[in-house]
């Protein structure tokens, strides 16, 4: 499932939960073969979007997205900016929002995704400042 989630988000597709919380949809265009993969994994994806953020599919989806975001940032960070970006990502005020969204009881996958985006943006700002 991790590869599917990483592939979807890498392709610019976002997973979305229906209003009733019983179906998984997507925002964006699915590439070849992705629709079949979504159908085959719909129960796991639903569990990821609604499940415990600290175990099972809820944990796995967040972990995969976090890892993918850090790899994306690392690939774009020039060597001379590495220390500044790392320092920015380790600041308590920067990581606090991500940690809160990750472990928040009743928090949603979308809240986590938005907090992760803000976290990565802090790294991008530090990269620009280093140049």
Protein backbone atom coordinates (compact mmCIF):
# COMPACT_ATOMS: atom_id res chain seq x y z
CA UNK A 1 0.00 0.00 0.00
CA UNK A 2 2.90 2.35 0.69
CA UNK A 3 4.01 2.26 -2.93
CA UNK A 4 0.46 3.03 -4.07
CA UNK A 5 0.14 6.04 -1.76
CA UNK A 6 3.58 7.33 -2.77
CA UNK A 7 2.75 6.84 -6.46
CA UNK A 8 -0.57 8.65 -6.19
CA UNK A 9 0.81 11.68 -4.40
CA UNK A 10 3.90 11.77 -6.65
CA UNK A 11 1.54 11.92 -9.61
CA UNK A 12 -0.29 14.86 -8.04
CA UNK A 13 -3.35 12.84 -7.04
CA UNK A 14 -4.81 13.37 -3.57
CA UNK A 15 -6.97 10.87 -1.74
CA UNK A 16 -10.27 12.19 -0.44
CA UNK A 17 -12.79 10.77 1.97
CA UNK A 18 -16.48 11.02 1.13
CA UNK A 19 -18.69 13.14 3.39
CA UNK A 20 -20.18 10.04 4.95
CA UNK A 21 -16.68 8.62 5.59
CA UNK A 22 -17.42 5.38 3.77
CA UNK A 23 -15.76 5.88 0.38
CA UNK A 24 -12.38 6.91 -0.95
CA UNK A 25 -12.16 9.25 -3.91
CA UNK A 26 -9.39 11.11 -5.64
CA UNK A 27 -8.64 14.67 -6.60
CA UNK A 28 -6.59 14.75 -9.78
CA UNK A 29 -6.06 12.60 -12.83
CA UNK A 30 -5.27 8.94 -12.35
CA UNK A 31 -2.53 7.47 -14.47
CA UNK A 32 -2.72 4.12 -16.26
CA UNK A 33 -3.39 1.26 -13.90
CA UNK A 34 -4.04 3.47 -10.89
CA UNK A 35 -7.82 3.04 -10.96
CA UNK A 36 -7.48 -0.74 -10.69
CA UNK A 37 -4.97 -0.36 -7.85
CA UNK A 38 -7.37 1.96 -6.04
CA UNK A 39 -10.23 -0.50 -6.38
CA UNK A 40 -8.07 -3.39 -5.20
CA UNK A 41 -6.90 -1.46 -2.13
CA UNK A 42 -10.01 0.56 -1.27
CA UNK A 43 -10.49 -0.99 2.18
CA UNK A 44 -6.86 -0.38 3.18
CA UNK A 45 -7.00 3.17 1.80
CA UNK A 46 -10.21 3.84 3.71
CA UNK A 47 -8.55 2.53 6.86
CA UNK A 48 -5.53 4.74 6.16
CA UNK A 49 -7.69 7.86 5.83
CA UNK A 50 -9.82 7.13 8.88
CA UNK A 51 -7.64 4.90 11.05
CA UNK A 52 -5.34 5.45 13.98
CA UNK A 53 -2.49 7.76 12.90
CA UNK A 54 -0.07 5.88 15.17
CA UNK A 55 -0.67 2.30 14.06
CA UNK A 56 -1.76 0.17 11.15
CA UNK A 57 -2.72 1.69 7.83
CA UNK A 58 -3.15 5.17 9.34
CA UNK A 59 0.47 5.13 10.47
CA UNK A 60 1.73 3.59 7.23
CA UNK A 61 0.06 6.20 5.01
CA UNK A 62 1.45 9.10 7.03
CA UNK A 63 4.90 7.53 7.23
CA UNK A 64 5.05 6.99 3.48
CA UNK A 65 3.90 10.52 2.70
CA UNK A 66 6.38 12.00 5.20
CA UNK A 67 9.26 9.98 3.73
CA UNK A 68 8.28 10.93 0.18
CA UNK A 69 8.11 14.63 1.09
CA UNK A 70 11.55 14.57 2.72
CA UNK A 71 13.06 12.78 -0.28
CA UNK A 72 11.47 15.34 -2.60
CA UNK A 73 12.95 18.20 -0.56
CA UNK A 74 16.35 16.52 -0.31
CA UNK A 75 16.55 16.07 -4.10
CA UNK A 76 16.03 19.82 -4.55
CA UNK A 77 18.29 21.06 -1.78
CA UNK A 78 21.76 22.17 -2.90
CA UNK A 79 24.58 20.78 -0.77
CA UNK A 80 25.47 24.23 0.54
CA UNK A 81 21.93 24.63 1.93
CA UNK A 82 21.67 21.22 3.64
CA UNK A 83 22.62 22.39 7.14
CA UNK A 84 20.28 25.37 7.01
CA UNK A 85 17.35 23.27 5.77
CA UNK A 86 17.98 20.58 8.39
CA UNK A 87 18.18 23.20 11.14
CA UNK A 88 14.89 24.74 9.96
CA UNK A 89 13.11 21.37 9.92
CA UNK A 90 14.35 20.56 13.42
CA UNK A 91 13.16 23.79 15.02
CA UNK A 92 10.50 23.13 17.64
CA UNK A 93 8.09 25.73 16.25
CA UNK A 94 8.32 24.14 12.79
CA UNK A 95 7.98 20.49 13.73
CA UNK A 96 5.34 21.08 16.42
CA UNK A 97 2.49 21.54 13.94
CA UNK A 98 3.41 18.38 12.05
CA UNK A 99 3.68 16.32 15.23
CA UNK A 100 0.36 17.64 16.47
CA UNK A 101 -1.41 16.84 13.20
CA UNK A 102 0.20 13.39 13.05
CA UNK A 103 -0.78 12.26 16.53
CA UNK A 104 -3.97 14.25 17.08
CA UNK A 105 -6.79 12.00 18.30
CA UNK A 106 -9.54 12.26 15.72
CA UNK A 107 -7.23 14.16 13.36
CA UNK A 108 -7.72 13.57 9.68
CA UNK A 109 -5.30 12.46 7.01
CA UNK A 110 -5.97 15.75 5.21
CA UNK A 111 -4.98 17.74 8.31
CA UNK A 112 -1.76 15.74 8.41
CA UNK A 113 -1.13 16.33 4.71
CA UNK A 114 -1.59 20.09 5.12
CA UNK A 115 0.72 20.18 8.16
CA UNK A 116 3.31 18.21 6.19
CA UNK A 117 3.04 20.73 3.38
CA UNK A 118 3.71 23.60 5.82
CA UNK A 119 6.65 21.66 7.25
CA UNK A 120 8.23 21.16 3.82
CA UNK A 121 7.58 24.82 2.96
CA UNK A 122 9.68 25.77 6.01
CA UNK A 123 12.52 23.76 4.49
CA UNK A 124 12.04 25.45 1.12
CA UNK A 125 12.14 28.89 2.75
CA UNK A 126 15.38 28.00 4.52
CA UNK A 127 16.81 26.79 1.21
CA UNK A 128 15.99 30.10 -0.49
CA UNK A 129 17.53 32.05 2.40
CA UNK A 130 20.74 30.03 2.04
CA UNK A 131 21.17 30.98 -1.61
